[in-house]
Amino acid sequence: MLPAGPADVRVTVGHDAFLGAADVADPSTLVVRDLSDDFLRSFMTAPAMTAEIGGVRRTIDLHRPGDAARALTSCASAAGLPDTT
């Protein structure tokens, strides 16, 4: 379950950092805006990334998508945004 509200997002993949903003669309969907077009290319080929959402940072293994999704959810929830569930 994701907390509601906006948050700044910084994603680091390899040596590249991407900045954007995120909103929770519903308790299980995080929508990140404003990442560059290069983000998807880096994301698809990287073994890991670091996501910082609302000041909370997690390193995420991209080899297993389910684990990556849980780590992103944990990062967003730990950011201290209000929970609407």
PDB file of N, CA and C in Angstrom:
ATOM      1  N   MET A   1       0.846  -1.187   0.000  1.00  0.00           N
ATOM      2  CA  MET A   1       0.000   0.000   0.000  1.00  0.00           C
ATOM      3  C   MET A   1       0.886   1.243   0.000  1.00  0.00           C
ATOM      4  N   LEU A   2       0.673   2.115  -0.951  1.00  0.00           N
ATOM      5  CA  LEU A   2       1.448   3.349  -1.059  1.00  0.00           C
ATOM      6  C   LEU A   2       0.729   4.495  -0.356  1.00  0.00           C
ATOM      7  N   PRO A   3       1.459   5.366   0.305  1.00  0.00           N
ATOM      8  CA  PRO A   3       0.847   6.551   0.904  1.00  0.00           C
ATOM      9  C   PRO A   3       0.489   7.558  -0.181  1.00  0.00           C
ATOM     10  N   ALA A   4      -0.511   8.380   0.070  1.00  0.00           N
ATOM     11  CA  ALA A   4      -0.953   9.369  -0.914  1.00  0.00           C
ATOM     12  C   ALA A   4      -0.091  10.614  -0.849  1.00  0.00           C
ATOM     13  N   GLY A   5      -0.030  11.330  -1.954  1.00  0.00           N
ATOM     14  CA  GLY A   5       0.639  12.612  -1.977  1.00  0.00           C
ATOM     15  C   GLY A   5       1.783  12.690  -2.954  1.00  0.00           C
ATOM     16  N   PRO A   6       2.266  13.908  -3.195  1.00  0.00           N
ATOM     17  CA  PRO A   6       3.377  14.106  -4.125  1.00  0.00           C
ATOM     18  C   PRO A   6       4.725  13.904  -3.430  1.00  0.00           C
ATOM     19  N   ALA A   7       5.744  13.601  -4.227  1.00  0.00           N
ATOM     20  CA  ALA A   7       7.103  13.461  -3.691  1.00  0.00           C
ATOM     21  C   ALA A   7       8.100  13.711  -4.809  1.00  0.00           C
ATOM     22  N   ASP A   8       9.245  14.272  -4.456  1.00  0.00           N
ATOM     23  CA  ASP A   8      10.344  14.395  -5.407  1.00  0.00           C
ATOM     24  C   ASP A   8      11.003  13.035  -5.547  1.00  0.00           C
ATOM     25  N   VAL A   9      11.473  12.742  -6.764  1.00  0.00           N
ATOM     26  CA  VAL A   9      12.093  11.455  -7.042  1.00  0.00           C
ATOM     27  C   VAL A   9      13.451  11.682  -7.688  1.00  0.00           C
ATOM     28  N   ARG A  10      14.451  10.942  -7.222  1.00  0.00           N
ATOM     29  CA  ARG A  10      15.772  10.914  -7.856  1.00  0.00           C
ATOM     30  C   ARG A  10      16.117   9.440  -8.043  1.00  0.00           C
ATOM     31  N   VAL A  11      16.371   9.066  -9.281  1.00  0.00           N
ATOM     32  CA  VAL A  11      16.726   7.688  -9.603  1.00  0.00           C
ATOM     33  C   VAL A  11      18.125   7.694 -10.193  1.00  0.00           C
ATOM     34  N   THR A  12      19.001   6.858  -9.643  1.00  0.00           N
ATOM     35  CA  THR A  12      20.356   6.729 -10.161  1.00  0.00           C
ATOM     36  C   THR A  12      20.511   5.332 -10.734  1.00  0.00           C
ATOM     37  N   VAL A  13      20.899   5.287 -12.012  1.00  0.00           N
ATOM     38  CA  VAL A  13      21.135   4.026 -12.702  1.00  0.00           C
ATOM     39  C   VAL A  13      22.550   4.115 -13.265  1.00  0.00           C
ATOM     40  N   GLY A  14      23.447   3.309 -12.737  1.00  0.00           N
ATOM     41  CA  GLY A  14      24.847   3.406 -13.148  1.00  0.00           C
ATOM     42  C   GLY A  14      25.400   4.763 -12.746  1.00  0.00           C
ATOM     43  N   HIS A  15      25.951   5.489 -13.703  1.00  0.00           N
ATOM     44  CA  HIS A  15      26.503   6.820 -13.436  1.00  0.00           C
ATOM     45  C   HIS A  15      25.513   7.936 -13.765  1.00  0.00           C
ATOM     46  N   ASP A  16      24.303   7.573 -14.180  1.00  0.00           N
ATOM     47  CA  ASP A  16      23.314   8.562 -14.603  1.00  0.00           C
ATOM     48  C   ASP A  16      22.270   8.789 -13.520  1.00  0.00           C
ATOM     49  N   ALA A  17      21.957  10.057 -13.256  1.00  0.00           N
ATOM     50  CA  ALA A  17      20.916  10.413 -12.289  1.00  0.00           C
ATOM     51  C   ALA A  17      19.749  11.040 -13.035  1.00  0.00           C
ATOM     52  N   PHE A  18      18.549  10.680 -12.643  1.00  0.00           N
ATOM     53  CA  PHE A  18      17.337  11.186 -13.267  1.00  0.00           C
ATOM     54  C   PHE A  18      16.468  11.797 -12.174  1.00  0.00           C
ATOM     55  N   LEU A  19      15.931  12.992 -12.422  1.00  0.00           N
ATOM     56  CA  LEU A  19      15.080  13.689 -11.458  1.00  0.00           C
ATOM     57  C   LEU A  19      13.664  13.762 -12.001  1.00  0.00           C
ATOM     58  N   GLY A  20      12.693  13.632 -11.116  1.00  0.00           N
ATOM     59  CA  GLY A  20      11.302  13.733 -11.514  1.00  0.00           C
ATOM     60  C   GLY A  20      10.437  13.997 -10.299  1.00  0.00           C
ATOM     61  N   ALA A  21       9.148  13.891 -10.507  1.00  0.00           N
ATOM     62  CA  ALA A  21       8.174  14.052  -9.431  1.00  0.00           C
ATOM     63  C   ALA A  21       7.225  12.866  -9.487  1.00  0.00           C
ATOM     64  N   ALA A  22       6.708  12.476  -8.339  1.00  0.00           N
ATOM     65  CA  ALA A  22       5.814  11.318  -8.285  1.00  0.00           C
ATOM     66  C   ALA A  22       4.531  11.672  -7.555  1.00  0.00           C
ATOM     67  N   ASP A  23       3.470  11.006  -7.951  1.00  0.00           N
ATOM     68  CA  ASP A  23       2.179  11.072  -7.282  1.00  0.00           C
ATOM     69  C   ASP A  23       1.668   9.653  -7.142  1.00  0.00           C
ATOM     70  N   VAL A  24       0.933   9.390  -6.082  1.00  0.00           N
ATOM     71  CA  VAL A  24       0.304   8.097  -5.905  1.00  0.00           C
ATOM     72  C   VAL A  24      -1.074   8.165  -6.554  1.00  0.00           C
ATOM     73  N   ALA A  25      -1.274   7.349  -7.601  1.00  0.00           N
ATOM     74  CA  ALA A  25      -2.554   7.330  -8.306  1.00  0.00           C
ATOM     75  C   ALA A  25      -3.592   6.531  -7.530  1.00  0.00           C
ATOM     76  N   ASP A  26      -3.163   5.452  -6.901  1.00  0.00           N
ATOM     77  CA  ASP A  26      -4.004   4.634  -6.033  1.00  0.00           C
ATOM     78  C   ASP A  26      -3.056   3.874  -5.108  1.00  0.00           C
ATOM     79  N   PRO A  27      -3.552   3.113  -4.136  1.00  0.00           N
ATOM     80  CA  PRO A  27      -2.660   2.490  -3.151  1.00  0.00           C
ATOM     81  C   PRO A  27      -1.590   1.549  -3.720  1.00  0.00           C
ATOM     82  N   SER A  28      -1.683   1.187  -5.000  1.00  0.00           N
ATOM     83  CA  SER A  28      -0.673   0.287  -5.556  1.00  0.00           C
ATOM     84  C   SER A  28       0.008   0.844  -6.803  1.00  0.00           C
ATOM     85  N   THR A  29      -0.205   2.142  -7.122  1.00  0.00           N
ATOM     86  CA  THR A  29       0.371   2.709  -8.342  1.00  0.00           C
ATOM     87  C   THR A  29       1.075   4.026  -8.057  1.00  0.00           C
ATOM     88  N   LEU A  30       2.381   4.041  -8.290  1.00  0.00           N
ATOM     89  CA  LEU A  30       3.194   5.247  -8.168  1.00  0.00           C
ATOM     90  C   LEU A  30       3.453   5.770  -9.578  1.00  0.00           C
ATOM     91  N   VAL A  31       3.071   7.011  -9.850  1.00  0.00           N
ATOM     92  CA  VAL A  31       3.251   7.617 -11.173  1.00  0.00           C
ATOM     93  C   VAL A  31       4.374   8.639 -11.075  1.00  0.00           C
ATOM     94  N   VAL A  32       5.472   8.376 -11.789  1.00  0.00           N
ATOM     95  CA  VAL A  32       6.623   9.271 -11.797  1.00  0.00           C
ATOM     96  C   VAL A  32       6.600  10.053 -13.102  1.00  0.00           C
ATOM     97  N   ARG A  33       6.741  11.377 -12.998  1.00  0.00           N
ATOM     98  CA  ARG A  33       6.717  12.261 -14.174  1.00  0.00           C
ATOM     99  C   ARG A  33       8.092  12.888 -14.354  1.00  0.00           C
ATOM    100  N   ASP A  34       8.321  13.374 -15.542  1.00  0.00           N
ATOM    101  CA  ASP A  34       9.465  14.238 -15.856  1.00  0.00           C
ATOM    102  C   ASP A  34      10.820  13.543 -15.874  1.00  0.00           C
ATOM    103  N   LEU A  35      10.880  12.206 -15.900  1.00  0.00           N
ATOM    104  CA  LEU A  35      12.160  11.548 -16.095  1.00  0.00           C
ATOM    105  C   LEU A  35      12.510  11.654 -17.575  1.00  0.00           C
ATOM    106  N   SER A  36      13.786  11.763 -17.892  1.00  0.00           N
ATOM    107  CA  SER A  36      14.183  11.938 -19.287  1.00  0.00           C
ATOM    108  C   SER A  36      13.937  10.665 -20.092  1.00  0.00           C
ATOM    109  N   ASP A  37      13.947  10.815 -21.409  1.00  0.00           N
ATOM    110  CA  ASP A  37      13.765   9.676 -22.303  1.00  0.00           C
ATOM    111  C   ASP A  37      14.854   8.629 -22.116  1.00  0.00           C
ATOM    112  N   ASP A  38      16.032   9.039 -21.682  1.00  0.00           N
ATOM    113  CA  ASP A  38      17.134   8.103 -21.477  1.00  0.00           C
ATOM    114  C   ASP A  38      16.915   7.189 -20.277  1.00  0.00           C
ATOM    115  N   PHE A  39      16.006   7.561 -19.386  1.00  0.00           N
ATOM    116  CA  PHE A  39      15.784   6.748 -18.195  1.00  0.00           C
ATOM    117  C   PHE A  39      15.367   5.329 -18.550  1.00  0.00           C
ATOM    118  N   LEU A  40      14.394   5.173 -19.428  1.00  0.00           N
ATOM    119  CA  LEU A  40      13.894   3.842 -19.748  1.00  0.00           C
ATOM    120  C   LEU A  40      14.998   2.968 -20.333  1.00  0.00           C
ATOM    121  N   ARG A  41      15.812   3.523 -21.194  1.00  0.00           N
ATOM    122  CA  ARG A  41      16.921   2.758 -21.778  1.00  0.00           C
ATOM    123  C   ARG A  41      17.879   2.297 -20.676  1.00  0.00           C
ATOM    124  N   SER A  42      18.217   3.183 -19.767  1.00  0.00           N
ATOM    125  CA  SER A  42      19.113   2.822 -18.666  1.00  0.00           C
ATOM    126  C   SER A  42      18.465   1.793 -17.746  1.00  0.00           C
ATOM    127  N   PHE A  43      17.205   1.995 -17.426  1.00  0.00           N
ATOM    128  CA  PHE A  43      16.463   1.107 -16.540  1.00  0.00           C
ATOM    129  C   PHE A  43      16.396  -0.313 -17.098  1.00  0.00           C
ATOM    130  N   MET A  44      16.158  -0.433 -18.402  1.00  0.00           N
ATOM    131  CA  MET A  44      15.992  -1.742 -19.026  1.00  0.00           C
ATOM    132  C   MET A  44      17.292  -2.537 -19.070  1.00  0.00           C
ATOM    133  N   THR A  45      18.432  -1.881 -19.028  1.00  0.00           N
ATOM    134  CA  THR A  45      19.698  -2.589 -19.182  1.00  0.00           C
ATOM    135  C   THR A  45      20.510  -2.677 -17.894  1.00  0.00           C
ATOM    136  N   ALA A  46      20.082  -2.025 -16.850  1.00  0.00           N
ATOM    137  CA  ALA A  46      20.877  -1.976 -15.612  1.00  0.00           C
ATOM    138  C   ALA A  46      20.556  -3.153 -14.692  1.00  0.00           C
ATOM    139  N   PRO A  47      21.545  -3.620 -13.943  1.00  0.00           N
ATOM    140  CA  PRO A  47      21.294  -4.682 -12.966  1.00  0.00           C
ATOM    141  C   PRO A  47      20.676  -4.153 -11.670  1.00  0.00           C
ATOM    142  N   ALA A  48      20.858  -2.842 -11.401  1.00  0.00           N
ATOM    143  CA  ALA A  48      20.340  -2.256 -10.165  1.00  0.00           C
ATOM    144  C   ALA A  48      20.177  -0.753 -10.354  1.00  0.00           C
ATOM    145  N   MET A  49      19.398  -0.155  -9.465  1.00  0.00           N
ATOM    146  CA  MET A  49      19.263   1.300  -9.452  1.00  0.00           C
ATOM    147  C   MET A  49      19.068   1.733  -8.013  1.00  0.00           C
ATOM    148  N   THR A  50      19.282   3.019  -7.770  1.00  0.00           N
ATOM    149  CA  THR A  50      19.003   3.606  -6.477  1.00  0.00           C
ATOM    150  C   THR A  50      17.862   4.590  -6.670  1.00  0.00           C
ATOM    151  N   ALA A  51      16.818   4.455  -5.862  1.00  0.00           N
ATOM    152  CA  ALA A  51      15.676   5.366  -5.931  1.00  0.00           C
ATOM    153  C   ALA A  51      15.602   6.142  -4.627  1.00  0.00           C
ATOM    154  N   GLU A  52      15.453   7.458  -4.751  1.00  0.00           N
ATOM    155  CA  GLU A  52      15.225   8.301  -3.584  1.00  0.00           C
ATOM    156  C   GLU A  52      13.891   8.988  -3.801  1.00  0.00           C
ATOM    157  N   ILE A  53      12.936   8.669  -2.936  1.00  0.00           N
ATOM    158  CA  ILE A  53      11.581   9.205  -3.036  1.00  0.00           C
ATOM    159  C   ILE A  53      11.280   9.927  -1.739  1.00  0.00           C
ATOM    160  N   GLY A  54      11.069  11.227  -1.830  1.00  0.00           N
ATOM    161  CA  GLY A  54      10.756  12.003  -0.639  1.00  0.00           C
ATOM    162  C   GLY A  54      11.829  11.935   0.423  1.00  0.00           C
ATOM    163  N   GLY A  55      13.090  11.792   0.021  1.00  0.00           N
ATOM    164  CA  GLY A  55      14.198  11.761   0.961  1.00  0.00           C
ATOM    165  C   GLY A  55      14.572  10.382   1.482  1.00  0.00           C
ATOM    166  N   VAL A  56      13.818   9.353   1.116  1.00  0.00           N
ATOM    167  CA  VAL A  56      14.123   7.981   1.527  1.00  0.00           C
ATOM    168  C   VAL A  56      14.797   7.278   0.356  1.00  0.00           C
ATOM    169  N   ARG A  57      15.937   6.629   0.628  1.00  0.00           N
ATOM    170  CA  ARG A  57      16.722   6.011  -0.444  1.00  0.00           C
ATOM    171  C   ARG A  57      16.750   4.487  -0.298  1.00  0.00           C
ATOM    172  N   ARG A  58      16.559   3.805  -1.432  1.00  0.00           N
ATOM    173  CA  ARG A  58      16.652   2.345  -1.477  1.00  0.00           C
ATOM    174  C   ARG A  58      17.446   1.958  -2.725  1.00  0.00           C
ATOM    175  N   THR A  59      18.297   0.935  -2.599  1.00  0.00           N
ATOM    176  CA  THR A  59      18.948   0.332  -3.751  1.00  0.00           C
ATOM    177  C   THR A  59      18.086  -0.848  -4.176  1.00  0.00           C
ATOM    178  N   ILE A  60      17.806  -0.932  -5.462  1.00  0.00           N
ATOM    179  CA  ILE A  60      16.837  -1.895  -5.977  1.00  0.00           C
ATOM    180  C   ILE A  60      17.486  -2.791  -7.021  1.00  0.00           C
ATOM    181  N   ASP A  61      17.416  -4.093  -6.788  1.00  0.00           N
ATOM    182  CA  ASP A  61      17.902  -5.093  -7.738  1.00  0.00           C
ATOM    183  C   ASP A  61      16.876  -5.204  -8.862  1.00  0.00           C
ATOM    184  N   LEU A  62      17.290  -4.967 -10.093  1.00  0.00           N
ATOM    185  CA  LEU A  62      16.364  -4.990 -11.220  1.00  0.00           C
ATOM    186  C   LEU A  62      16.295  -6.350 -11.907  1.00  0.00           C
ATOM    187  N   HIS A  63      17.009  -7.339 -11.378  1.00  0.00           N
ATOM    188  CA  HIS A  63      16.952  -8.675 -11.961  1.00  0.00           C
ATOM    189  C   HIS A  63      15.605  -9.352 -11.697  1.00  0.00           C
ATOM    190  N   ARG A  64      14.958  -8.970 -10.585  1.00  0.00           N
ATOM    191  CA  ARG A  64      13.683  -9.577 -10.211  1.00  0.00           C
ATOM    192  C   ARG A  64      12.635  -8.477 -10.057  1.00  0.00           C
ATOM    193  N   PRO A  65      11.750  -8.336 -11.051  1.00  0.00           N
ATOM    194  CA  PRO A  65      10.784  -7.223 -11.057  1.00  0.00           C
ATOM    195  C   PRO A  65       9.900  -7.143  -9.817  1.00  0.00           C
ATOM    196  N   GLY A  66       9.480  -8.285  -9.269  1.00  0.00           N
ATOM    197  CA  GLY A  66       8.635  -8.262  -8.073  1.00  0.00           C
ATOM    198  C   GLY A  66       9.349  -7.639  -6.890  1.00  0.00           C
ATOM    199  N   ASP A  67      10.618  -7.999  -6.720  1.00  0.00           N
ATOM    200  CA  ASP A  67      11.406  -7.423  -5.638  1.00  0.00           C
ATOM    201  C   ASP A  67      11.607  -5.928  -5.862  1.00  0.00           C
ATOM    202  N   ALA A  68      11.807  -5.531  -7.119  1.00  0.00           N
ATOM    203  CA  ALA A  68      11.978  -4.112  -7.441  1.00  0.00           C
ATOM    204  C   ALA A  68      10.719  -3.336  -7.084  1.00  0.00           C
ATOM    205  N   ALA A  69       9.561  -3.872  -7.410  1.00  0.00           N
ATOM    206  CA  ALA A  69       8.299  -3.192  -7.101  1.00  0.00           C
ATOM    207  C   ALA A  69       8.114  -3.062  -5.595  1.00  0.00           C
ATOM    208  N   ARG A  70       8.424  -4.114  -4.838  1.00  0.00           N
ATOM    209  CA  ARG A  70       8.289  -4.044  -3.376  1.00  0.00           C
ATOM    210  C   ARG A  70       9.260  -3.028  -2.777  1.00  0.00           C
ATOM    211  N   ALA A  71      10.474  -2.956  -3.315  1.00  0.00           N
ATOM    212  CA  ALA A  71      11.450  -1.994  -2.801  1.00  0.00           C
ATOM    213  C   ALA A  71      11.008  -0.565  -3.076  1.00  0.00           C
ATOM    214  N   LEU A  72      10.463  -0.296  -4.258  1.00  0.00           N
ATOM    215  CA  LEU A  72       9.957   1.047  -4.559  1.00  0.00           C
ATOM    216  C   LEU A  72       8.801   1.409  -3.644  1.00  0.00           C
ATOM    217  N   THR A  73       7.911   0.458  -3.389  1.00  0.00           N
ATOM    218  CA  THR A  73       6.786   0.698  -2.478  1.00  0.00           C
ATOM    219  C   THR A  73       7.289   1.006  -1.071  1.00  0.00           C
ATOM    220  N   SER A  74       8.273   0.256  -0.614  1.00  0.00           N
ATOM    221  CA  SER A  74       8.846   0.485   0.705  1.00  0.00           C
ATOM    222  C   SER A  74       9.464   1.876   0.801  1.00  0.00           C
ATOM    223  N   CYS A  75      10.155   2.274  -0.248  1.00  0.00           N
ATOM    224  CA  CYS A  75      10.798   3.591  -0.272  1.00  0.00           C
ATOM    225  C   CYS A  75       9.745   4.701  -0.203  1.00  0.00           C
ATOM    226  N   ALA A  76       8.699   4.590  -1.000  1.00  0.00           N
ATOM    227  CA  ALA A  76       7.644   5.606  -0.997  1.00  0.00           C
ATOM    228  C   ALA A  76       6.924   5.642   0.345  1.00  0.00           C
ATOM    229  N   SER A  77       6.643   4.481   0.916  1.00  0.00           N
ATOM    230  CA  SER A  77       5.943   4.438   2.202  1.00  0.00           C
ATOM    231  C   SER A  77       6.789   5.034   3.321  1.00  0.00           C
ATOM    232  N   ALA A  78       8.105   4.808   3.278  1.00  0.00           N
ATOM    233  CA  ALA A  78       8.985   5.320   4.308  1.00  0.00           C
ATOM    234  C   ALA A  78       9.231   6.816   4.193  1.00  0.00           C
ATOM    235  N   ALA A  79       8.811   7.416   3.093  1.00  0.00           N
ATOM    236  CA  ALA A  79       9.042   8.838   2.873  1.00  0.00           C
ATOM    237  C   ALA A  79       8.201   9.710   3.796  1.00  0.00           C
ATOM    238  N   GLY A  80       7.253   9.099   4.508  1.00  0.00           N
ATOM    239  CA  GLY A  80       6.467   9.850   5.480  1.00  0.00           C
ATOM    240  C   GLY A  80       5.277  10.569   4.880  1.00  0.00           C
ATOM    241  N   LEU A  81       4.875  10.200   3.689  1.00  0.00           N
ATOM    242  CA  LEU A  81       3.691  10.801   3.080  1.00  0.00           C
ATOM    243  C   LEU A  81       2.457  10.286   3.802  1.00  0.00           C
ATOM    244  N   PRO A  82       1.375  11.066   3.859  1.00  0.00           N
ATOM    245  CA  PRO A  82       0.179  10.598   4.557  1.00  0.00           C
ATOM    246  C   PRO A  82      -0.407   9.372   3.886  1.00  0.00           C
ATOM    247  N   ASP A  83      -0.862   8.409   4.680  1.00  0.00           N
ATOM    248  CA  ASP A  83      -1.430   7.162   4.160  1.00  0.00           C
ATOM    249  C   ASP A  83      -2.941   7.311   4.069  1.00  0.00           C
ATOM    250  N   THR A  84      -3.508   6.985   2.915  1.00  0.00           N
ATOM    251  CA  THR A  84      -4.953   7.123   2.738  1.00  0.00           C
ATOM    252  C   THR A  84      -5.689   5.797   2.824  1.00  0.00           C
ATOM    253  N   THR A  85      -4.976   4.718   3.166  1.00  0.00           N
ATOM    254  CA  THR A  85      -5.643   3.418   3.220  1.00  0.00           C
ATOM    255  C   THR A  85      -6.287   3.184   4.563  1.00  0.00           C
TER     256      THR A  85
END
